PDB file of N, CA and C in Angstrom:
ATOM      1  N   MET A   1       0.706  -0.938   0.019  1.00  0.00           N
ATOM      2  CA  MET A   1      -0.497   0.082  -0.455  1.00  0.00           C
ATOM      3  C   MET A   1       0.650   1.182  -0.010  1.00  0.00           C
ATOM      4  N   THR A   2       0.515   2.103  -0.743  1.00  0.00           N
ATOM      5  CA  THR A   2       0.875   3.675  -0.813  1.00  0.00           C
ATOM      6  C   THR A   2       1.298   4.011   0.513  1.00  0.00           C
ATOM      7  N   GLU A   3       1.493   5.239   0.569  1.00  0.00           N
ATOM      8  CA  GLU A   3       1.885   6.656   2.142  1.00  0.00           C
ATOM      9  C   GLU A   3       0.548   6.819   1.769  1.00  0.00           C
ATOM     10  N   VAL A   4      -0.216   7.070   3.089  1.00  0.00           N
ATOM     11  CA  VAL A   4      -1.677   7.879   3.196  1.00  0.00           C
ATOM     12  C   VAL A   4      -1.285   8.853   3.958  1.00  0.00           C
ATOM     13  N   THR A   5      -1.611  10.329   3.304  1.00  0.00           N
ATOM     14  CA  THR A   5      -2.014  10.960   4.157  1.00  0.00           C
ATOM     15  C   THR A   5      -3.000  10.968   5.080  1.00  0.00           C
ATOM     16  N   TYR A   6      -2.605  12.247   6.165  1.00  0.00           N
ATOM     17  CA  TYR A   6      -3.838  12.711   7.064  1.00  0.00           C
ATOM     18  C   TYR A   6      -5.264  13.052   6.216  1.00  0.00           C
ATOM     19  N   ALA A   7      -4.961  13.905   5.285  1.00  0.00           N
ATOM     20  CA  ALA A   7      -5.391  14.445   4.436  1.00  0.00           C
ATOM     21  C   ALA A   7      -6.376  13.109   3.635  1.00  0.00           C
ATOM     22  N   ARG A   8      -5.857  11.972   2.831  1.00  0.00           N
ATOM     23  CA  ARG A   8      -6.849  11.507   2.301  1.00  0.00           C
ATOM     24  C   ARG A   8      -7.155  10.564   3.458  1.00  0.00           C
ATOM     25  N   LEU A   9      -7.100  10.330   4.052  1.00  0.00           N
ATOM     26  CA  LEU A   9      -7.582   9.966   5.484  1.00  0.00           C
ATOM     27  C   LEU A   9      -8.640  10.010   6.172  1.00  0.00           C
ATOM     28  N   GLU A  10      -8.763  11.656   5.913  1.00  0.00           N
ATOM     29  CA  GLU A  10      -9.764  12.517   6.319  1.00  0.00           C
ATOM     30  C   GLU A  10     -10.636  12.368   5.461  1.00  0.00           C
ATOM     31  N   GLU A  11     -10.438  12.313   3.994  1.00  0.00           N
ATOM     32  CA  GLU A  11     -11.335  12.433   2.761  1.00  0.00           C
ATOM     33  C   GLU A  11     -12.163  11.203   2.583  1.00  0.00           C
ATOM     34  N   THR A  12     -11.272   9.972   2.620  1.00  0.00           N
ATOM     35  CA  THR A  12     -12.063   8.770   2.756  1.00  0.00           C
ATOM     36  C   THR A  12     -13.016   8.408   4.191  1.00  0.00           C
ATOM     37  N   LEU A  13     -13.204   8.773   5.513  1.00  0.00           N
ATOM     38  CA  LEU A  13     -14.126   9.252   6.343  1.00  0.00           C
ATOM     39  C   LEU A  13     -15.057   9.695   6.152  1.00  0.00           C
ATOM     40  N   LEU A  14     -14.598  10.721   5.272  1.00  0.00           N
ATOM     41  CA  LEU A  14     -15.987  11.394   4.698  1.00  0.00           C
ATOM     42  C   LEU A  14     -16.672  10.870   3.534  1.00  0.00           C
ATOM     43  N   SER A  15     -15.728  10.068   3.147  1.00  0.00           N
ATOM     44  CA  SER A  15     -16.690   8.977   1.963  1.00  0.00           C
ATOM     45  C   SER A  15     -17.887   8.478   2.127  1.00  0.00           C
ATOM     46  N   LEU A  16     -16.966   7.554   3.438  1.00  0.00           N
ATOM     47  CA  LEU A  16     -17.854   6.348   4.288  1.00  0.00           C
ATOM     48  C   LEU A  16     -18.893   7.028   5.215  1.00  0.00           C
ATOM     49  N   GLY A  17     -19.273   8.209   5.127  1.00  0.00           N
ATOM     50  CA  GLY A  17     -20.384   8.828   6.187  1.00  0.00           C
ATOM     51  C   GLY A  17     -20.025   9.731   6.792  1.00  0.00           C
ATOM     52  N   PHE A  18     -18.065   9.338   8.154  1.00  0.00           N
ATOM     53  CA  PHE A  18     -18.729  10.429   9.086  1.00  0.00           C
ATOM     54  C   PHE A  18     -18.194  11.898   8.847  1.00  0.00           C
ATOM     55  N   SER A  19     -18.896  12.581   9.444  1.00  0.00           N
ATOM     56  CA  SER A  19     -18.679  13.994   9.754  1.00  0.00           C
ATOM     57  C   SER A  19     -17.422  15.041  10.598  1.00  0.00           C
ATOM     58  N   PRO A  20     -16.734  15.748  10.266  1.00  0.00           N
ATOM     59  CA  PRO A  20     -15.990  16.338  11.484  1.00  0.00           C
ATOM     60  C   PRO A  20     -16.713  16.740  12.553  1.00  0.00           C
ATOM     61  N   TYR A  21     -16.346  16.433  13.835  1.00  0.00           N
ATOM     62  CA  TYR A  21     -17.069  17.065  15.012  1.00  0.00           C
ATOM     63  C   TYR A  21     -15.640  18.094  15.830  1.00  0.00           C
ATOM     64  N   GLY A  22     -14.968  17.751  15.211  1.00  0.00           N
ATOM     65  CA  GLY A  22     -14.028  18.990  16.270  1.00  0.00           C
ATOM     66  C   GLY A  22     -12.778  18.915  16.556  1.00  0.00           C
ATOM     67  N   VAL A  23     -12.154  19.760  16.767  1.00  0.00           N
ATOM     68  CA  VAL A  23     -10.646  18.946  17.473  1.00  0.00           C
ATOM     69  C   VAL A  23     -10.609  18.912  18.992  1.00  0.00           C
ATOM     70  N   HIS A  24     -10.748  18.122  20.031  1.00  0.00           N
ATOM     71  CA  HIS A  24     -10.492  18.305  21.834  1.00  0.00           C
ATOM     72  C   HIS A  24      -8.913  17.738  22.113  1.00  0.00           C
ATOM     73  N   GLU A  25      -8.633  19.375  22.752  1.00  0.00           N
ATOM     74  CA  GLU A  25      -7.251  18.571  23.497  1.00  0.00           C
ATOM     75  C   GLU A  25      -6.262  17.726  22.214  1.00  0.00           C
ATOM     76  N   LYS A  26      -6.166  18.604  20.940  1.00  0.00           N
ATOM     77  CA  LYS A  26      -4.535  18.628  19.361  1.00  0.00           C
ATOM     78  C   LYS A  26      -5.472  16.996  18.775  1.00  0.00           C
ATOM     79  N   ASN A  27      -6.677  16.573  19.221  1.00  0.00           N
ATOM     80  CA  ASN A  27      -7.524  15.355  18.709  1.00  0.00           C
ATOM     81  C   ASN A  27      -8.362  15.949  17.845  1.00  0.00           C
ATOM     82  N   LYS A  28      -8.247  15.626  16.332  1.00  0.00           N
ATOM     83  CA  LYS A  28      -9.491  15.177  15.737  1.00  0.00           C
ATOM     84  C   LYS A  28     -10.434  13.894  15.865  1.00  0.00           C
ATOM     85  N   ILE A  29     -11.636  14.496  16.190  1.00  0.00           N
ATOM     86  CA  ILE A  29     -13.067  13.404  15.961  1.00  0.00           C
ATOM     87  C   ILE A  29     -13.944  13.915  14.885  1.00  0.00           C
ATOM     88  N   PHE A  30     -14.247  12.563  14.320  1.00  0.00           N
ATOM     89  CA  PHE A  30     -14.678  12.265  13.415  1.00  0.00           C
ATOM     90  C   PHE A  30     -16.327  11.429  14.004  1.00  0.00           C
ATOM     91  N   ARG A  31     -17.223  11.439  13.448  1.00  0.00           N
ATOM     92  CA  ARG A  31     -18.838  10.811  13.954  1.00  0.00           C
ATOM     93  C   ARG A  31     -19.662  10.605  12.825  1.00  0.00           C
ATOM     94  N   HIS A  32     -19.641   8.916  12.829  1.00  0.00           N
ATOM     95  CA  HIS A  32     -20.412   8.275  11.794  1.00  0.00           C
ATOM     96  C   HIS A  32     -21.823   8.654  12.082  1.00  0.00           C
ATOM     97  N   ASP A  33     -22.535   9.614  11.547  1.00  0.00           N
ATOM     98  CA  ASP A  33     -24.018   9.796  11.817  1.00  0.00           C
ATOM     99  C   ASP A  33     -24.694   8.752  12.349  1.00  0.00           C
ATOM    100  N   GLU A  34     -24.913   7.804  11.300  1.00  0.00           N
ATOM    101  CA  GLU A  34     -26.005   6.885  11.499  1.00  0.00           C
ATOM    102  C   GLU A  34     -25.632   5.603  11.853  1.00  0.00           C
ATOM    103  N   THR A  35     -24.303   5.492  12.631  1.00  0.00           N
ATOM    104  CA  THR A  35     -24.021   4.615  13.844  1.00  0.00           C
ATOM    105  C   THR A  35     -23.645   4.983  14.816  1.00  0.00           C
ATOM    106  N   GLY A  36     -23.511   6.193  15.236  1.00  0.00           N
ATOM    107  CA  GLY A  36     -22.648   7.112  16.070  1.00  0.00           C
ATOM    108  C   GLY A  36     -21.241   6.598  16.242  1.00  0.00           C
ATOM    109  N   ALA A  37     -20.308   6.215  16.144  1.00  0.00           N
ATOM    110  CA  ALA A  37     -19.149   5.647  15.485  1.00  0.00           C
ATOM    111  C   ALA A  37     -18.076   6.846  15.632  1.00  0.00           C
ATOM    112  N   LEU A  38     -17.345   6.588  16.664  1.00  0.00           N
ATOM    113  CA  LEU A  38     -16.488   7.990  16.582  1.00  0.00           C
ATOM    114  C   LEU A  38     -14.631   7.448  16.258  1.00  0.00           C
ATOM    115  N   VAL A  39     -14.527   8.580  15.740  1.00  0.00           N
ATOM    116  CA  VAL A  39     -12.830   8.225  15.136  1.00  0.00           C
ATOM    117  C   VAL A  39     -12.225   9.416  15.912  1.00  0.00           C
ATOM    118  N   ILE A  40     -10.974   9.459  16.332  1.00  0.00           N
ATOM    119  CA  ILE A  40     -10.458  10.342  16.861  1.00  0.00           C
ATOM    120  C   ILE A  40      -8.842   9.560  16.646  1.00  0.00           C
ATOM    121  N   TYR A  41      -8.183  11.012  15.745  1.00  0.00           N
ATOM    122  CA  TYR A  41      -6.573  10.850  16.023  1.00  0.00           C
ATOM    123  C   TYR A  41      -6.027  12.140  16.358  1.00  0.00           C
ATOM    124  N   PRO A  42      -4.753  12.026  16.135  1.00  0.00           N
ATOM    125  CA  PRO A  42      -4.212  13.155  16.365  1.00  0.00           C
ATOM    126  C   PRO A  42      -4.337  13.857  15.306  1.00  0.00           C
ATOM    127  N   ASP A  43      -4.567  15.459  15.547  1.00  0.00           N
ATOM    128  CA  ASP A  43      -4.403  16.212  15.207  1.00  0.00           C
ATOM    129  C   ASP A  43      -2.610  17.004  14.313  1.00  0.00           C
ATOM    130  N   PHE A  44      -2.484  15.890  13.547  1.00  0.00           N
ATOM    131  CA  PHE A  44      -0.828  16.157  13.053  1.00  0.00           C
ATOM    132  C   PHE A  44      -1.323  16.917  11.467  1.00  0.00           C
ATOM    133  N   PRO A  45      -0.069  17.486  10.927  1.00  0.00           N
ATOM    134  CA  PRO A  45      -0.374  17.817   9.885  1.00  0.00           C
ATOM    135  C   PRO A  45      -1.053  17.571   8.877  1.00  0.00           C
ATOM    136  N   SER A  46      -1.676  17.631   7.927  1.00  0.00           N
ATOM    137  CA  SER A  46      -2.395  16.775   6.943  1.00  0.00           C
ATOM    138  C   SER A  46      -1.930  15.835   5.627  1.00  0.00           C
ATOM    139  N   GLY A  47      -0.441  16.824   5.799  1.00  0.00           N
ATOM    140  CA  GLY A  47       0.255  15.952   4.480  1.00  0.00           C
ATOM    141  C   GLY A  47       1.745  14.558   5.467  1.00  0.00           C
ATOM    142  N   ASN A  48       1.272  15.192   6.606  1.00  0.00           N
ATOM    143  CA  ASN A  48       2.157  13.904   6.928  1.00  0.00           C
ATOM    144  C   ASN A  48       1.260  12.627   7.007  1.00  0.00           C
ATOM    145  N   ALA A  49       2.067  11.066   6.908  1.00  0.00           N
ATOM    146  CA  ALA A  49       1.792   9.884   6.448  1.00  0.00           C
ATOM    147  C   ALA A  49       1.414   9.296   7.882  1.00  0.00           C
ATOM    148  N   VAL A  50      -0.070   8.713   7.571  1.00  0.00           N
ATOM    149  CA  VAL A  50      -0.565   8.456   8.698  1.00  0.00           C
ATOM    150  C   VAL A  50      -0.047   7.251   9.402  1.00  0.00           C
ATOM    151  N   LEU A  51       0.116   7.491  10.928  1.00  0.00           N
ATOM    152  CA  LEU A  51       0.797   6.180  11.571  1.00  0.00           C
ATOM    153  C   LEU A  51      -0.036   4.984  11.054  1.00  0.00           C
ATOM    154  N   PRO A  52       0.787   3.472  11.116  1.00  0.00           N
ATOM    155  CA  PRO A  52       0.202   2.626  11.251  1.00  0.00           C
ATOM    156  C   PRO A  52      -0.954   2.263  12.475  1.00  0.00           C
ATOM    157  N   ARG A  53      -0.600   2.437  13.460  1.00  0.00           N
ATOM    158  CA  ARG A  53      -1.075   2.118  14.942  1.00  0.00           C
ATOM    159  C   ARG A  53      -2.731   2.712  14.603  1.00  0.00           C
ATOM    160  N   HIS A  54      -2.827   4.136  13.750  1.00  0.00           N
ATOM    161  CA  HIS A  54      -3.941   4.884  13.849  1.00  0.00           C
ATOM    162  C   HIS A  54      -4.481   4.499  12.832  1.00  0.00           C
ATOM    163  N   LEU A  55      -4.432   3.444  11.588  1.00  0.00           N
ATOM    164  CA  LEU A  55      -4.809   2.226  10.407  1.00  0.00           C
ATOM    165  C   LEU A  55      -5.795   1.558  11.001  1.00  0.00           C
ATOM    166  N   LEU A  56      -4.698   0.814  12.062  1.00  0.00           N
ATOM    167  CA  LEU A  56      -4.753  -0.310  12.438  1.00  0.00           C
ATOM    168  C   LEU A  56      -6.572   0.231  13.582  1.00  0.00           C
ATOM    169  N   ALA A  57      -6.797   1.494  14.179  1.00  0.00           N
ATOM    170  CA  ALA A  57      -7.328   1.431  15.038  1.00  0.00           C
ATOM    171  C   ALA A  57      -9.134   2.100  14.427  1.00  0.00           C
ATOM    172  N   ILE A  58      -8.360   2.726  13.644  1.00  0.00           N
ATOM    173  CA  ILE A  58      -9.464   3.043  12.327  1.00  0.00           C
ATOM    174  C   ILE A  58     -10.450   1.818  12.116  1.00  0.00           C
ATOM    175  N   LYS A  59      -9.267   1.056  11.343  1.00  0.00           N
ATOM    176  CA  LYS A  59     -10.184  -0.139  10.275  1.00  0.00           C
ATOM    177  C   LYS A  59     -10.908  -0.847  11.836  1.00  0.00           C
ATOM    178  N   SER A  60     -10.453  -0.965  13.092  1.00  0.00           N
ATOM    179  CA  SER A  60     -11.193  -2.011  14.164  1.00  0.00           C
ATOM    180  C   SER A  60     -12.610  -1.407  14.280  1.00  0.00           C
ATOM    181  N   ILE A  61     -12.977   0.199  14.465  1.00  0.00           N
ATOM    182  CA  ILE A  61     -14.186   0.691  14.494  1.00  0.00           C
ATOM    183  C   ILE A  61     -15.014   0.622  13.459  1.00  0.00           C
ATOM    184  N   LEU A  62     -14.053   0.673  12.198  1.00  0.00           N
ATOM    185  CA  LEU A  62     -15.035   0.382  10.740  1.00  0.00           C
ATOM    186  C   LEU A  62     -15.831  -0.485  10.845  1.00  0.00           C
ATOM    187  N   GLN A  63     -14.923  -1.832  11.332  1.00  0.00           N
ATOM    188  CA  GLN A  63     -15.633  -3.358  11.816  1.00  0.00           C
ATOM    189  C   GLN A  63     -16.468  -3.535  12.833  1.00  0.00           C
ATOM    190  N   ALA A  64     -16.146  -3.040  13.770  1.00  0.00           N
ATOM    191  CA  ALA A  64     -16.867  -2.733  14.998  1.00  0.00           C
ATOM    192  C   ALA A  64     -18.031  -2.343  14.437  1.00  0.00           C
ATOM    193  N   TYR A  65     -18.703  -1.714  14.132  1.00  0.00           N
ATOM    194  CA  TYR A  65     -19.512  -0.685  14.084  1.00  0.00           C
ATOM    195  C   TYR A  65     -20.182  -1.572  12.434  1.00  0.00           C
ATOM    196  N   ASP A  66     -19.755  -2.222  11.879  1.00  0.00           N
ATOM    197  CA  ASP A  66     -19.963  -2.451  10.594  1.00  0.00           C
ATOM    198  C   ASP A  66     -20.748  -1.777   9.453  1.00  0.00           C
ATOM    199  N   ILE A  67     -19.168  -0.695   9.299  1.00  0.00           N
ATOM    200  CA  ILE A  67     -19.332   0.542   8.063  1.00  0.00           C
ATOM    201  C   ILE A  67     -18.688   0.349   7.238  1.00  0.00           C
ATOM    202  N   SER A  68     -17.602  -0.651   6.924  1.00  0.00           N
ATOM    203  CA  SER A  68     -16.503  -1.011   6.073  1.00  0.00           C
ATOM    204  C   SER A  68     -15.334  -1.930   6.806  1.00  0.00           C
ATOM    205  N   ASP A  69     -15.772  -2.871   5.664  1.00  0.00           N
ATOM    206  CA  ASP A  69     -14.658  -4.114   5.569  1.00  0.00           C
ATOM    207  C   ASP A  69     -13.856  -3.442   5.359  1.00  0.00           C
ATOM    208  N   PRO A  70     -12.363  -4.310   6.016  1.00  0.00           N
ATOM    209  CA  PRO A  70     -11.244  -3.885   5.949  1.00  0.00           C
ATOM    210  C   PRO A  70     -10.500  -3.510   4.274  1.00  0.00           C
ATOM    211  N   ASP A  71     -10.611  -4.420   3.411  1.00  0.00           N
ATOM    212  CA  ASP A  71     -11.123  -4.496   1.584  1.00  0.00           C
ATOM    213  C   ASP A  71     -11.554  -3.510   0.927  1.00  0.00           C
ATOM    214  N   ARG A  72     -12.313  -2.860   1.903  1.00  0.00           N
ATOM    215  CA  ARG A  72     -12.999  -1.826   1.205  1.00  0.00           C
ATOM    216  C   ARG A  72     -12.692  -0.481   1.751  1.00  0.00           C
ATOM    217  N   PHE A  73     -11.967  -0.592   3.223  1.00  0.00           N
ATOM    218  CA  PHE A  73     -11.389   0.379   3.733  1.00  0.00           C
ATOM    219  C   PHE A  73     -10.231   0.857   2.683  1.00  0.00           C
ATOM    220  N   PHE A  74      -9.580   0.243   2.428  1.00  0.00           N
ATOM    221  CA  PHE A  74      -7.951   0.007   2.161  1.00  0.00           C
ATOM    222  C   PHE A  74      -8.050   0.669   0.717  1.00  0.00           C
ATOM    223  N   LEU A  75      -9.557   0.260  -0.298  1.00  0.00           N
ATOM    224  CA  LEU A  75      -9.158   0.350  -1.655  1.00  0.00           C
ATOM    225  C   LEU A  75      -9.715   2.054  -1.712  1.00  0.00           C
ATOM    226  N   GLU A  76     -10.620   2.341  -0.349  1.00  0.00           N
ATOM    227  CA  GLU A  76     -11.559   3.992  -0.310  1.00  0.00           C
ATOM    228  C   GLU A  76      -9.606   4.695  -0.320  1.00  0.00           C
ATOM    229  N   LEU A  77      -8.948   4.281   0.419  1.00  0.00           N
ATOM    230  CA  LEU A  77      -8.045   5.174   0.690  1.00  0.00           C
ATOM    231  C   LEU A  77      -7.299   5.319  -0.562  1.00  0.00           C
ATOM    232  N   GLN A  78      -6.950   4.268  -1.198  1.00  0.00           N
ATOM    233  CA  GLN A  78      -6.344   4.340  -2.509  1.00  0.00           C
ATOM    234  C   GLN A  78      -6.539   4.973  -3.329  1.00  0.00           C
ATOM    235  N   LYS A  79      -7.941   5.108  -3.274  1.00  0.00           N
ATOM    236  CA  LYS A  79      -8.794   5.920  -4.432  1.00  0.00           C
ATOM    237  C   LYS A  79      -7.886   7.295  -4.292  1.00  0.00           C
ATOM    238  N   ALA A  80      -8.596   7.701  -2.789  1.00  0.00           N
ATOM    239  CA  ALA A  80      -8.872   9.171  -2.425  1.00  0.00           C
ATOM    240  C   ALA A  80      -6.977   9.301  -2.837  1.00  0.00           C
ATOM    241  N   SER A  81      -6.020   8.397  -2.858  1.00  0.00           N
ATOM    242  CA  SER A  81      -4.535   9.183  -2.499  1.00  0.00           C
ATOM    243  C   SER A  81      -4.714   9.225  -4.251  1.00  0.00           C
TER     244      SER A  81
END
């Protein structure tokens, strides 16, 4: 998989139905309106590469709330790139 930036991650979350919920204590928060799922990650510069642990955490949230399977999530990340 090619390098994914935080800007690309945000685009992908938006395409999956998440909405920006704000920044709290230097963390970006996104809420999935349909399920109530929250995705929170540090407010790093948008051009930085996403840390693998953040991708893994988000993938787990998407699976737990049945928002996206891992293959679709990574496909969406690639499309946004």
